[in-house]
Structure formats: C-alpha cells, structure tokens
C-alpha cells in the first residue's frame, strides 16, 4: 500500500433554511460533538452526499434516465456523486443542477 493520498474535492458552501428548533438542536449538537472529539460538519456532509445521490437516482428513474453501463451518460465519480456532461435546468454543467 502506498503512502500517497489523493487530494480531496474542493468544498463549497450552501445555505439551507431549517426550523429554528432544528438549528438550535444542531448548535447544541455541534458543541457536544466537538467536546467529544467528533466532526458534526463531516457527518452532515456525508448525509447530504447520500441524500443528493438518492434524490438524483429517484429523479432519473422518474425521467427514464439511466446512469448504467448502456452508455446513455458518460459519467465520472467524485465523493460518490456521479457528475455527467449533461446540462440540467439551473445551468450547472456537472449534472447536479443549480444547487
């Protein structure tokens, strides 16, 4: 096994509105997880990645699209997300829309 480690994908910032009670709970959890030596942001990020993948797969299934081996889409993976060369509403060239 080599010692070299691949660079991680650059990160971006999103703004998400949630009920005030959820934000308060997240603030409390951030303090508690930090004190316990855990990374709440990393945990939330992984959950958002899984959710994004699930939503994309469900929408693609509704649209009759396939990311399979039939060559209908050329795709590459980054952080488990498939980025294709198709354009979606929102103008993002990565196939993820304007999120």
PDB file of N, CA and C in Angstrom:
ATOM      1  N   UNK A   1       0.840  -1.177   0.000  1.00  0.00           N
ATOM      2  CA  UNK A   1       0.000   0.000   0.000  1.00  0.00           C
ATOM      3  C   UNK A   1       0.883   1.238   0.000  1.00  0.00           C
ATOM      4  N   UNK A   2       0.571   2.208  -0.841  1.00  0.00           N
ATOM      5  CA  UNK A   2       1.362   3.418  -0.954  1.00  0.00           C
ATOM      6  C   UNK A   2       1.076   4.402   0.166  1.00  0.00           C
ATOM      7  N   UNK A   3       1.940   5.387   0.263  1.00  0.00           N
ATOM      8  CA  UNK A   3       1.775   6.410   1.285  1.00  0.00           C
ATOM      9  C   UNK A   3       1.117   7.676   0.732  1.00  0.00           C
ATOM     10  N   UNK A   4       1.003   7.772  -0.593  1.00  0.00           N
ATOM     11  CA  UNK A   4       0.407   8.948  -1.204  1.00  0.00           C
ATOM     12  C   UNK A   4      -1.108   8.958  -0.993  1.00  0.00           C
ATOM     13  N   UNK A   5      -1.640  10.129  -0.749  1.00  0.00           N
ATOM     14  CA  UNK A   5      -3.073  10.284  -0.558  1.00  0.00           C
ATOM     15  C   UNK A   5      -3.597  11.271  -1.604  1.00  0.00           C
ATOM     16  N   UNK A   6      -4.707  10.929  -2.228  1.00  0.00           N
ATOM     17  CA  UNK A   6      -5.306  11.798  -3.237  1.00  0.00           C
ATOM     18  C   UNK A   6      -5.860  13.062  -2.589  1.00  0.00           C
ATOM     19  N   UNK A   7      -5.830  14.149  -3.360  1.00  0.00           N
ATOM     20  CA  UNK A   7      -6.421  15.400  -2.902  1.00  0.00           C
ATOM     21  C   UNK A   7      -7.929  15.233  -2.816  1.00  0.00           C
ATOM     22  N   UNK A   8      -8.527  15.837  -1.795  1.00  0.00           N
ATOM     23  CA  UNK A   8      -9.970  15.817  -1.674  1.00  0.00           C
ATOM     24  C   UNK A   8     -10.571  16.839  -2.622  1.00  0.00           C
ATOM     25  N   UNK A   9     -11.802  16.603  -2.991  1.00  0.00           N
ATOM     26  CA  UNK A   9     -12.521  17.534  -3.850  1.00  0.00           C
ATOM     27  C   UNK A   9     -12.693  18.859  -3.107  1.00  0.00           C
ATOM     28  N   UNK A  10     -12.534  19.995  -3.789  1.00  0.00           N
ATOM     29  CA  UNK A  10     -12.756  21.289  -3.124  1.00  0.00           C
ATOM     30  C   UNK A  10     -14.186  21.363  -2.590  1.00  0.00           C
ATOM     31  N   UNK A  11     -14.378  22.095  -1.515  1.00  0.00           N
ATOM     32  CA  UNK A  11     -15.709  22.208  -0.927  1.00  0.00           C
ATOM     33  C   UNK A  11     -16.335  23.541  -1.287  1.00  0.00           C
ATOM     34  N   UNK A  12     -17.628  23.597  -1.167  1.00  0.00           N
ATOM     35  CA  UNK A  12     -18.383  24.819  -1.386  1.00  0.00           C
ATOM     36  C   UNK A  12     -19.330  25.016  -0.222  1.00  0.00           C
ATOM     37  N   UNK A  13     -19.967  26.156  -0.171  1.00  0.00           N
ATOM     38  CA  UNK A  13     -20.888  26.478   0.910  1.00  0.00           C
ATOM     39  C   UNK A  13     -22.306  26.535   0.376  1.00  0.00           C
ATOM     40  N   UNK A  14     -23.237  25.942   1.125  1.00  0.00           N
ATOM     41  CA  UNK A  14     -24.653  26.056   0.790  1.00  0.00           C
ATOM     42  C   UNK A  14     -25.367  26.686   1.977  1.00  0.00           C
ATOM     43  N   UNK A  15     -26.480  27.329   1.699  1.00  0.00           N
ATOM     44  CA  UNK A  15     -27.319  27.888   2.755  1.00  0.00           C
ATOM     45  C   UNK A  15     -28.634  27.133   2.725  1.00  0.00           C
ATOM     46  N   UNK A  16     -29.036  26.649   3.877  1.00  0.00           N
ATOM     47  CA  UNK A  16     -30.240  25.838   3.967  1.00  0.00           C
ATOM     48  C   UNK A  16     -31.092  26.360   5.113  1.00  0.00           C
ATOM     49  N   UNK A  17     -32.346  26.661   4.837  1.00  0.00           N
ATOM     50  CA  UNK A  17     -33.248  27.123   5.893  1.00  0.00           C
ATOM     51  C   UNK A  17     -33.908  25.915   6.547  1.00  0.00           C
ATOM     52  N   UNK A  18     -33.854  25.891   7.880  1.00  0.00           N
ATOM     53  CA  UNK A  18     -34.498  24.846   8.666  1.00  0.00           C
ATOM     54  C   UNK A  18     -35.283  25.525   9.779  1.00  0.00           C
ATOM     55  N   UNK A  19     -36.237  24.821  10.384  1.00  0.00           N
ATOM     56  CA  UNK A  19     -36.947  25.414  11.518  1.00  0.00           C
ATOM     57  C   UNK A  19     -35.966  25.820  12.621  1.00  0.00           C
ATOM     58  N   UNK A  20     -36.321  26.881  13.347  1.00  0.00           N
ATOM     59  CA  UNK A  20     -35.438  27.401  14.400  1.00  0.00           C
ATOM     60  C   UNK A  20     -35.102  26.339  15.436  1.00  0.00           C
ATOM     61  N   UNK A  21     -36.046  25.459  15.728  1.00  0.00           N
ATOM     62  CA  UNK A  21     -35.782  24.408  16.719  1.00  0.00           C
ATOM     63  C   UNK A  21     -34.699  23.445  16.227  1.00  0.00           C
ATOM     64  N   UNK A  22     -34.684  23.177  14.926  1.00  0.00           N
ATOM     65  CA  UNK A  22     -33.662  22.289  14.360  1.00  0.00           C
ATOM     66  C   UNK A  22     -32.299  22.975  14.415  1.00  0.00           C
ATOM     67  N   UNK A  23     -32.260  24.264  14.083  1.00  0.00           N
ATOM     68  CA  UNK A  23     -30.987  24.990  14.155  1.00  0.00           C
ATOM     69  C   UNK A  23     -30.453  25.002  15.583  1.00  0.00           C
ATOM     70  N   UNK A  24     -31.341  25.249  16.555  1.00  0.00           N
ATOM     71  CA  UNK A  24     -30.911  25.256  17.961  1.00  0.00           C
ATOM     72  C   UNK A  24     -30.353  23.890  18.360  1.00  0.00           C
ATOM     73  N   UNK A  25     -31.014  22.834  17.920  1.00  0.00           N
ATOM     74  CA  UNK A  25     -30.528  21.482  18.239  1.00  0.00           C
ATOM     75  C   UNK A  25     -29.182  21.215  17.576  1.00  0.00           C
ATOM     76  N   UNK A  26     -29.029  21.649  16.327  1.00  0.00           N
ATOM     77  CA  UNK A  26     -27.746  21.474  15.641  1.00  0.00           C
ATOM     78  C   UNK A  26     -26.634  22.244  16.352  1.00  0.00           C
ATOM     79  N   UNK A  27     -26.939  23.448  16.825  1.00  0.00           N
ATOM     80  CA  UNK A  27     -25.949  24.224  17.571  1.00  0.00           C
ATOM     81  C   UNK A  27     -25.523  23.492  18.847  1.00  0.00           C
ATOM     82  N   UNK A  28     -26.499  22.930  19.561  1.00  0.00           N
ATOM     83  CA  UNK A  28     -26.177  22.158  20.772  1.00  0.00           C
ATOM     84  C   UNK A  28     -25.358  20.921  20.416  1.00  0.00           C
ATOM     85  N   UNK A  29     -25.760  20.231  19.357  1.00  0.00           N
ATOM     86  CA  UNK A  29     -25.034  19.026  18.943  1.00  0.00           C
ATOM     87  C   UNK A  29     -23.618  19.354  18.488  1.00  0.00           C
ATOM     88  N   UNK A  30     -23.449  20.502  17.829  1.00  0.00           N
ATOM     89  CA  UNK A  30     -22.111  20.903  17.383  1.00  0.00           C
ATOM     90  C   UNK A  30     -21.185  21.052  18.591  1.00  0.00           C
ATOM     91  N   UNK A  31     -21.676  21.693  19.641  1.00  0.00           N
ATOM     92  CA  UNK A  31     -20.872  21.850  20.855  1.00  0.00           C
ATOM     93  C   UNK A  31     -20.548  20.499  21.484  1.00  0.00           C
ATOM     94  N   UNK A  32     -21.564  19.657  21.618  1.00  0.00           N
ATOM     95  CA  UNK A  32     -21.365  18.352  22.264  1.00  0.00           C
ATOM     96  C   UNK A  32     -20.429  17.449  21.460  1.00  0.00           C
ATOM     97  N   UNK A  33     -20.618  17.427  20.131  1.00  0.00           N
ATOM     98  CA  UNK A  33     -19.755  16.557  19.319  1.00  0.00           C
ATOM     99  C   UNK A  33     -18.328  17.078  19.305  1.00  0.00           C
ATOM    100  N   UNK A  34     -18.174  18.393  19.288  1.00  0.00           N
ATOM    101  CA  UNK A  34     -16.833  18.970  19.324  1.00  0.00           C
ATOM    102  C   UNK A  34     -16.122  18.606  20.624  1.00  0.00           C
ATOM    103  N   UNK A  35     -16.827  18.731  21.738  1.00  0.00           N
ATOM    104  CA  UNK A  35     -16.253  18.375  23.035  1.00  0.00           C
ATOM    105  C   UNK A  35     -15.880  16.900  23.095  1.00  0.00           C
ATOM    106  N   UNK A  36     -16.650  16.068  22.401  1.00  0.00           N
ATOM    107  CA  UNK A  36     -16.390  14.625  22.396  1.00  0.00           C
ATOM    108  C   UNK A  36     -15.357  14.222  21.348  1.00  0.00           C
ATOM    109  N   UNK A  37     -14.895  15.197  20.544  1.00  0.00           N
ATOM    110  CA  UNK A  37     -13.867  14.911  19.549  1.00  0.00           C
ATOM    111  C   UNK A  37     -14.387  14.434  18.210  1.00  0.00           C
ATOM    112  N   UNK A  38     -15.642  14.719  17.922  1.00  0.00           N
ATOM    113  CA  UNK A  38     -16.233  14.315  16.644  1.00  0.00           C
ATOM    114  C   UNK A  38     -16.457  15.517  15.750  1.00  0.00           C
ATOM    115  N   UNK A  39     -16.661  15.258  14.456  1.00  0.00           N
ATOM    116  CA  UNK A  39     -16.844  16.302  13.446  1.00  0.00           C
ATOM    117  C   UNK A  39     -18.279  16.259  12.945  1.00  0.00           C
ATOM    118  N   UNK A  40     -19.155  17.084  13.540  1.00  0.00           N
ATOM    119  CA  UNK A  40     -20.557  17.109  13.124  1.00  0.00           C
ATOM    120  C   UNK A  40     -20.687  17.562  11.675  1.00  0.00           C
ATOM    121  N   UNK A  41     -19.894  18.541  11.252  1.00  0.00           N
ATOM    122  CA  UNK A  41     -19.964  19.027   9.879  1.00  0.00           C
ATOM    123  C   UNK A  41     -19.666  17.894   8.894  1.00  0.00           C
ATOM    124  N   UNK A  42     -18.656  17.094   9.181  1.00  0.00           N
ATOM    125  CA  UNK A  42     -18.332  15.958   8.317  1.00  0.00           C
ATOM    126  C   UNK A  42     -19.462  14.952   8.244  1.00  0.00           C
ATOM    127  N   UNK A  43     -20.115  14.722   9.386  1.00  0.00           N
ATOM    128  CA  UNK A  43     -21.238  13.795   9.436  1.00  0.00           C
ATOM    129  C   UNK A  43     -22.405  14.313   8.609  1.00  0.00           C
ATOM    130  N   UNK A  44     -22.723  15.598   8.767  1.00  0.00           N
ATOM    131  CA  UNK A  44     -23.810  16.202   7.998  1.00  0.00           C
ATOM    132  C   UNK A  44     -23.473  16.188   6.504  1.00  0.00           C
ATOM    133  N   UNK A  45     -22.231  16.472   6.167  1.00  0.00           N
ATOM    134  CA  UNK A  45     -21.802  16.474   4.762  1.00  0.00           C
ATOM    135  C   UNK A  45     -22.004  15.095   4.135  1.00  0.00           C
ATOM    136  N   UNK A  46     -21.597  14.048   4.848  1.00  0.00           N
ATOM    137  CA  UNK A  46     -21.781  12.691   4.320  1.00  0.00           C
ATOM    138  C   UNK A  46     -23.260  12.373   4.126  1.00  0.00           C
ATOM    139  N   UNK A  47     -24.102  12.832   5.046  1.00  0.00           N
ATOM    140  CA  UNK A  47     -25.544  12.615   4.910  1.00  0.00           C
ATOM    141  C   UNK A  47     -26.094  13.341   3.693  1.00  0.00           C
ATOM    142  N   UNK A  48     -25.634  14.564   3.450  1.00  0.00           N
ATOM    143  CA  UNK A  48     -26.090  15.334   2.285  1.00  0.00           C
ATOM    144  C   UNK A  48     -25.630  14.665   0.993  1.00  0.00           C
ATOM    145  N   UNK A  49     -24.427  14.111   0.985  1.00  0.00           N
ATOM    146  CA  UNK A  49     -23.941  13.399  -0.205  1.00  0.00           C
ATOM    147  C   UNK A  49     -24.847  12.209  -0.500  1.00  0.00           C
ATOM    148  N   UNK A  50     -25.178  11.420   0.528  1.00  0.00           N
ATOM    149  CA  UNK A  50     -26.059  10.267   0.328  1.00  0.00           C
ATOM    150  C   UNK A  50     -27.444  10.715  -0.135  1.00  0.00           C
ATOM    151  N   UNK A  51     -27.980  11.783   0.477  1.00  0.00           N
ATOM    152  CA  UNK A  51     -29.291  12.296   0.093  1.00  0.00           C
ATOM    153  C   UNK A  51     -29.283  12.785  -1.355  1.00  0.00           C
ATOM    154  N   UNK A  52     -28.235  13.505  -1.741  1.00  0.00           N
ATOM    155  CA  UNK A  52     -28.115  14.008  -3.111  1.00  0.00           C
ATOM    156  C   UNK A  52     -28.129  12.854  -4.106  1.00  0.00           C
ATOM    157  N   UNK A  53     -27.377  11.814  -3.805  1.00  0.00           N
ATOM    158  CA  UNK A  53     -27.316  10.633  -4.667  1.00  0.00           C
ATOM    159  C   UNK A  53     -28.695   9.984  -4.789  1.00  0.00           C
ATOM    160  N   UNK A  54     -29.391   9.848  -3.654  1.00  0.00           N
ATOM    161  CA  UNK A  54     -30.713   9.224  -3.663  1.00  0.00           C
ATOM    162  C   UNK A  54     -31.716  10.051  -4.461  1.00  0.00           C
ATOM    163  N   UNK A  55     -31.738  11.357  -4.236  1.00  0.00           N
ATOM    164  CA  UNK A  55     -32.665  12.233  -4.960  1.00  0.00           C
ATOM    165  C   UNK A  55     -32.387  12.176  -6.457  1.00  0.00           C
ATOM    166  N   UNK A  56     -31.091  12.246  -6.840  1.00  0.00           N
ATOM    167  CA  UNK A  56     -30.742  12.185  -8.263  1.00  0.00           C
ATOM    168  C   UNK A  56     -31.208  10.877  -8.879  1.00  0.00           C
ATOM    169  N   UNK A  57     -30.983   9.759  -8.178  1.00  0.00           N
ATOM    170  CA  UNK A  57     -31.392   8.458  -8.707  1.00  0.00           C
ATOM    171  C   UNK A  57     -32.912   8.369  -8.867  1.00  0.00           C
ATOM    172  N   UNK A  58     -33.649   8.907  -7.889  1.00  0.00           N
ATOM    173  CA  UNK A  58     -35.107   8.874  -7.976  1.00  0.00           C
ATOM    174  C   UNK A  58     -35.618   9.743  -9.118  1.00  0.00           C
ATOM    175  N   UNK A  59     -35.056  10.934  -9.260  1.00  0.00           N
ATOM    176  CA  UNK A  59     -35.473  11.820 -10.360  1.00  0.00           C
ATOM    177  C   UNK A  59     -35.113  11.198 -11.703  1.00  0.00           C
ATOM    178  N   UNK A  60     -33.914  10.636 -11.807  1.00  0.00           N
ATOM    179  CA  UNK A  60     -33.513   9.980 -13.056  1.00  0.00           C
ATOM    180  C   UNK A  60     -34.453   8.825 -13.384  1.00  0.00           C
ATOM    181  N   UNK A  61     -34.877   8.077 -12.368  1.00  0.00           N
ATOM    182  CA  UNK A  61     -35.797   6.966 -12.608  1.00  0.00           C
ATOM    183  C   UNK A  61     -37.147   7.484 -13.104  1.00  0.00           C
ATOM    184  N   UNK A  62     -37.617   8.592 -12.542  1.00  0.00           N
ATOM    185  CA  UNK A  62     -38.874   9.184 -12.996  1.00  0.00           C
ATOM    186  C   UNK A  62     -38.767   9.686 -14.431  1.00  0.00           C
ATOM    187  N   UNK A  63     -37.591  10.215 -14.787  1.00  0.00           N
ATOM    188  CA  UNK A  63     -37.370  10.734 -16.130  1.00  0.00           C
ATOM    189  C   UNK A  63     -37.017   9.635 -17.123  1.00  0.00           C
ATOM    190  N   UNK A  64     -36.853   8.410 -16.646  1.00  0.00           N
ATOM    191  CA  UNK A  64     -36.475   7.310 -17.527  1.00  0.00           C
ATOM    192  C   UNK A  64     -35.019   7.334 -17.910  1.00  0.00           C
ATOM    193  N   UNK A  65     -34.213   8.082 -17.157  1.00  0.00           N
ATOM    194  CA  UNK A  65     -32.779   8.168 -17.451  1.00  0.00           C
ATOM    195  C   UNK A  65     -32.054   7.064 -16.721  1.00  0.00           C
ATOM    196  N   UNK A  66     -30.916   6.715 -17.260  1.00  0.00           N
ATOM    197  CA  UNK A  66     -30.119   5.661 -16.641  1.00  0.00           C
ATOM    198  C   UNK A  66     -28.670   6.071 -16.609  1.00  0.00           C
ATOM    199  N   UNK A  67     -28.022   5.839 -15.494  1.00  0.00           N
ATOM    200  CA  UNK A  67     -26.595   6.087 -15.390  1.00  0.00           C
ATOM    201  C   UNK A  67     -25.831   4.782 -15.505  1.00  0.00           C
ATOM    202  N   UNK A  68     -26.476   3.789 -16.091  1.00  0.00           N
ATOM    203  CA  UNK A  68     -25.908   2.446 -16.155  1.00  0.00           C
ATOM    204  C   UNK A  68     -24.855   2.277 -17.221  1.00  0.00           C
ATOM    205  N   UNK A  69     -24.589   1.025 -17.524  1.00  0.00           N
ATOM    206  CA  UNK A  69     -23.498   0.676 -18.427  1.00  0.00           C
ATOM    207  C   UNK A  69     -23.922   0.696 -19.896  1.00  0.00           C
ATOM    208  N   UNK A  70     -25.141   1.178 -20.175  1.00  0.00           N
ATOM    209  CA  UNK A  70     -25.617   1.193 -21.552  1.00  0.00           C
ATOM    210  C   UNK A  70     -25.061   2.371 -22.352  1.00  0.00           C
ATOM    211  N   UNK A  71     -24.239   3.201 -21.708  1.00  0.00           N
ATOM    212  CA  UNK A  71     -23.606   4.303 -22.420  1.00  0.00           C
ATOM    213  C   UNK A  71     -24.505   5.501 -22.610  1.00  0.00           C
ATOM    214  N   UNK A  72     -25.648   5.537 -21.912  1.00  0.00           N
ATOM    215  CA  UNK A  72     -26.559   6.655 -22.106  1.00  0.00           C
ATOM    216  C   UNK A  72     -26.003   7.947 -21.534  1.00  0.00           C
ATOM    217  N   UNK A  73     -25.121   7.835 -20.542  1.00  0.00           N
ATOM    218  CA  UNK A  73     -24.480   9.018 -19.971  1.00  0.00           C
ATOM    219  C   UNK A  73     -23.022   8.692 -19.708  1.00  0.00           C
ATOM    220  N   UNK A  74     -22.170   9.623 -20.059  1.00  0.00           N
ATOM    221  CA  UNK A  74     -20.764   9.482 -19.689  1.00  0.00           C
ATOM    222  C   UNK A  74     -20.628  10.109 -18.318  1.00  0.00           C
ATOM    223  N   UNK A  75     -20.060   9.381 -17.369  1.00  0.00           N
ATOM    224  CA  UNK A  75     -20.013   9.925 -16.018  1.00  0.00           C
ATOM    225  C   UNK A  75     -18.677   9.644 -15.355  1.00  0.00           C
ATOM    226  N   UNK A  76     -18.358  10.494 -14.386  1.00  0.00           N
ATOM    227  CA  UNK A  76     -17.210  10.290 -13.531  1.00  0.00           C
ATOM    228  C   UNK A  76     -17.684  10.454 -12.105  1.00  0.00           C
ATOM    229  N   UNK A  77     -16.966   9.865 -11.165  1.00  0.00           N
ATOM    230  CA  UNK A  77     -17.381   9.947  -9.774  1.00  0.00           C
ATOM    231  C   UNK A  77     -16.433  10.821  -8.979  1.00  0.00           C
ATOM    232  N   UNK A  78     -17.015  11.598  -8.084  1.00  0.00           N
ATOM    233  CA  UNK A  78     -16.262  12.398  -7.129  1.00  0.00           C
ATOM    234  C   UNK A  78     -17.048  12.383  -5.831  1.00  0.00           C
ATOM    235  N   UNK A  79     -16.431  11.951  -4.764  1.00  0.00           N
ATOM    236  CA  UNK A  79     -17.119  11.838  -3.471  1.00  0.00           C
ATOM    237  C   UNK A  79     -18.380  10.999  -3.561  1.00  0.00           C
ATOM    238  N   UNK A  80     -18.391  10.005  -4.444  1.00  0.00           N
ATOM    239  CA  UNK A  80     -19.538   9.131  -4.574  1.00  0.00           C
ATOM    240  C   UNK A  80     -20.658   9.693  -5.416  1.00  0.00           C
ATOM    241  N   UNK A  81     -20.539  10.932  -5.871  1.00  0.00           N
ATOM    242  CA  UNK A  81     -21.563  11.525  -6.714  1.00  0.00           C
ATOM    243  C   UNK A  81     -21.165  11.388  -8.168  1.00  0.00           C
ATOM    244  N   UNK A  82     -22.129  11.110  -9.009  1.00  0.00           N
ATOM    245  CA  UNK A  82     -21.853  10.986 -10.433  1.00  0.00           C
ATOM    246  C   UNK A  82     -22.059  12.340 -11.077  1.00  0.00           C
ATOM    247  N   UNK A  83     -21.037  12.831 -11.761  1.00  0.00           N
ATOM    248  CA  UNK A  83     -21.121  14.090 -12.481  1.00  0.00           C
ATOM    249  C   UNK A  83     -21.096  13.766 -13.967  1.00  0.00           C
ATOM    250  N   UNK A  84     -22.136  14.160 -14.668  1.00  0.00           N
ATOM    251  CA  UNK A  84     -22.185  13.863 -16.097  1.00  0.00           C
ATOM    252  C   UNK A  84     -21.972  15.139 -16.899  1.00  0.00           C
ATOM    253  N   UNK A  85     -21.914  14.959 -18.200  1.00  0.00           N
ATOM    254  CA  UNK A  85     -21.689  16.105 -19.070  1.00  0.00           C
ATOM    255  C   UNK A  85     -22.994  16.721 -19.561  1.00  0.00           C
ATOM    256  N   UNK A  86     -24.120  16.285 -19.032  1.00  0.00           N
ATOM    257  CA  UNK A  86     -25.405  16.841 -19.473  1.00  0.00           C
ATOM    258  C   UNK A  86     -25.714  18.123 -18.712  1.00  0.00           C
ATOM    259  N   UNK A  87     -26.480  18.998 -19.344  1.00  0.00           N
ATOM    260  CA  UNK A  87     -26.889  20.256 -18.714  1.00  0.00           C
ATOM    261  C   UNK A  87     -28.308  20.095 -18.178  1.00  0.00           C
ATOM    262  N   UNK A  88     -28.519  20.517 -16.950  1.00  0.00           N
ATOM    263  CA  UNK A  88     -29.835  20.493 -16.345  1.00  0.00           C
ATOM    264  C   UNK A  88     -30.307  21.920 -16.121  1.00  0.00           C
ATOM    265  N   UNK A  89     -31.611  22.088 -15.905  1.00  0.00           N
ATOM    266  CA  UNK A  89     -32.082  23.424 -15.551  1.00  0.00           C
ATOM    267  C   UNK A  89     -31.315  23.938 -14.337  1.00  0.00           C
ATOM    268  N   UNK A  90     -30.910  25.152 -14.386  1.00  0.00           N
ATOM    269  CA  UNK A  90     -30.070  25.704 -13.332  1.00  0.00           C
ATOM    270  C   UNK A  90     -28.692  26.010 -13.879  1.00  0.00           C
ATOM    271  N   UNK A  91     -28.343  25.429 -15.019  1.00  0.00           N
ATOM    272  CA  UNK A  91     -27.144  25.787 -15.738  1.00  0.00           C
ATOM    273  C   UNK A  91     -25.855  25.161 -15.287  1.00  0.00           C
ATOM    274  N   UNK A  92     -25.880  24.266 -14.304  1.00  0.00           N
ATOM    275  CA  UNK A  92     -24.628  23.657 -13.864  1.00  0.00           C
ATOM    276  C   UNK A  92     -24.236  22.574 -14.838  1.00  0.00           C
ATOM    277  N   UNK A  93     -23.006  22.610 -15.303  1.00  0.00           N
ATOM    278  CA  UNK A  93     -22.530  21.633 -16.265  1.00  0.00           C
ATOM    279  C   UNK A  93     -22.166  20.301 -15.649  1.00  0.00           C
ATOM    280  N   UNK A  94     -22.253  20.200 -14.317  1.00  0.00           N
ATOM    281  CA  UNK A  94     -21.838  18.952 -13.677  1.00  0.00           C
ATOM    282  C   UNK A  94     -23.002  17.982 -13.523  1.00  0.00           C
ATOM    283  N   UNK A  95     -24.162  18.302 -14.065  1.00  0.00           N
ATOM    284  CA  UNK A  95     -25.294  17.408 -13.970  1.00  0.00           C
ATOM    285  C   UNK A  95     -26.014  17.489 -12.636  1.00  0.00           C
ATOM    286  N   UNK A  96     -25.617  18.403 -11.784  1.00  0.00           N
ATOM    287  CA  UNK A  96     -26.234  18.497 -10.481  1.00  0.00           C
ATOM    288  C   UNK A  96     -27.231  19.638 -10.386  1.00  0.00           C
ATOM    289  N   UNK A  97     -27.477  20.363 -11.448  1.00  0.00           N
ATOM    290  CA  UNK A  97     -28.402  21.483 -11.399  1.00  0.00           C
ATOM    291  C   UNK A  97     -27.768  22.659 -10.698  1.00  0.00           C
ATOM    292  N   UNK A  98     -28.553  23.593 -10.298  1.00  0.00           N
ATOM    293  CA  UNK A  98     -28.039  24.816  -9.692  1.00  0.00           C
ATOM    294  C   UNK A  98     -28.091  24.790  -8.180  1.00  0.00           C
ATOM    295  N   UNK A  99     -27.696  23.717  -7.552  1.00  0.00           N
ATOM    296  CA  UNK A  99     -27.764  23.600  -6.085  1.00  0.00           C
ATOM    297  C   UNK A  99     -26.680  24.368  -5.431  1.00  0.00           C
TER     298      UNK A  99
END
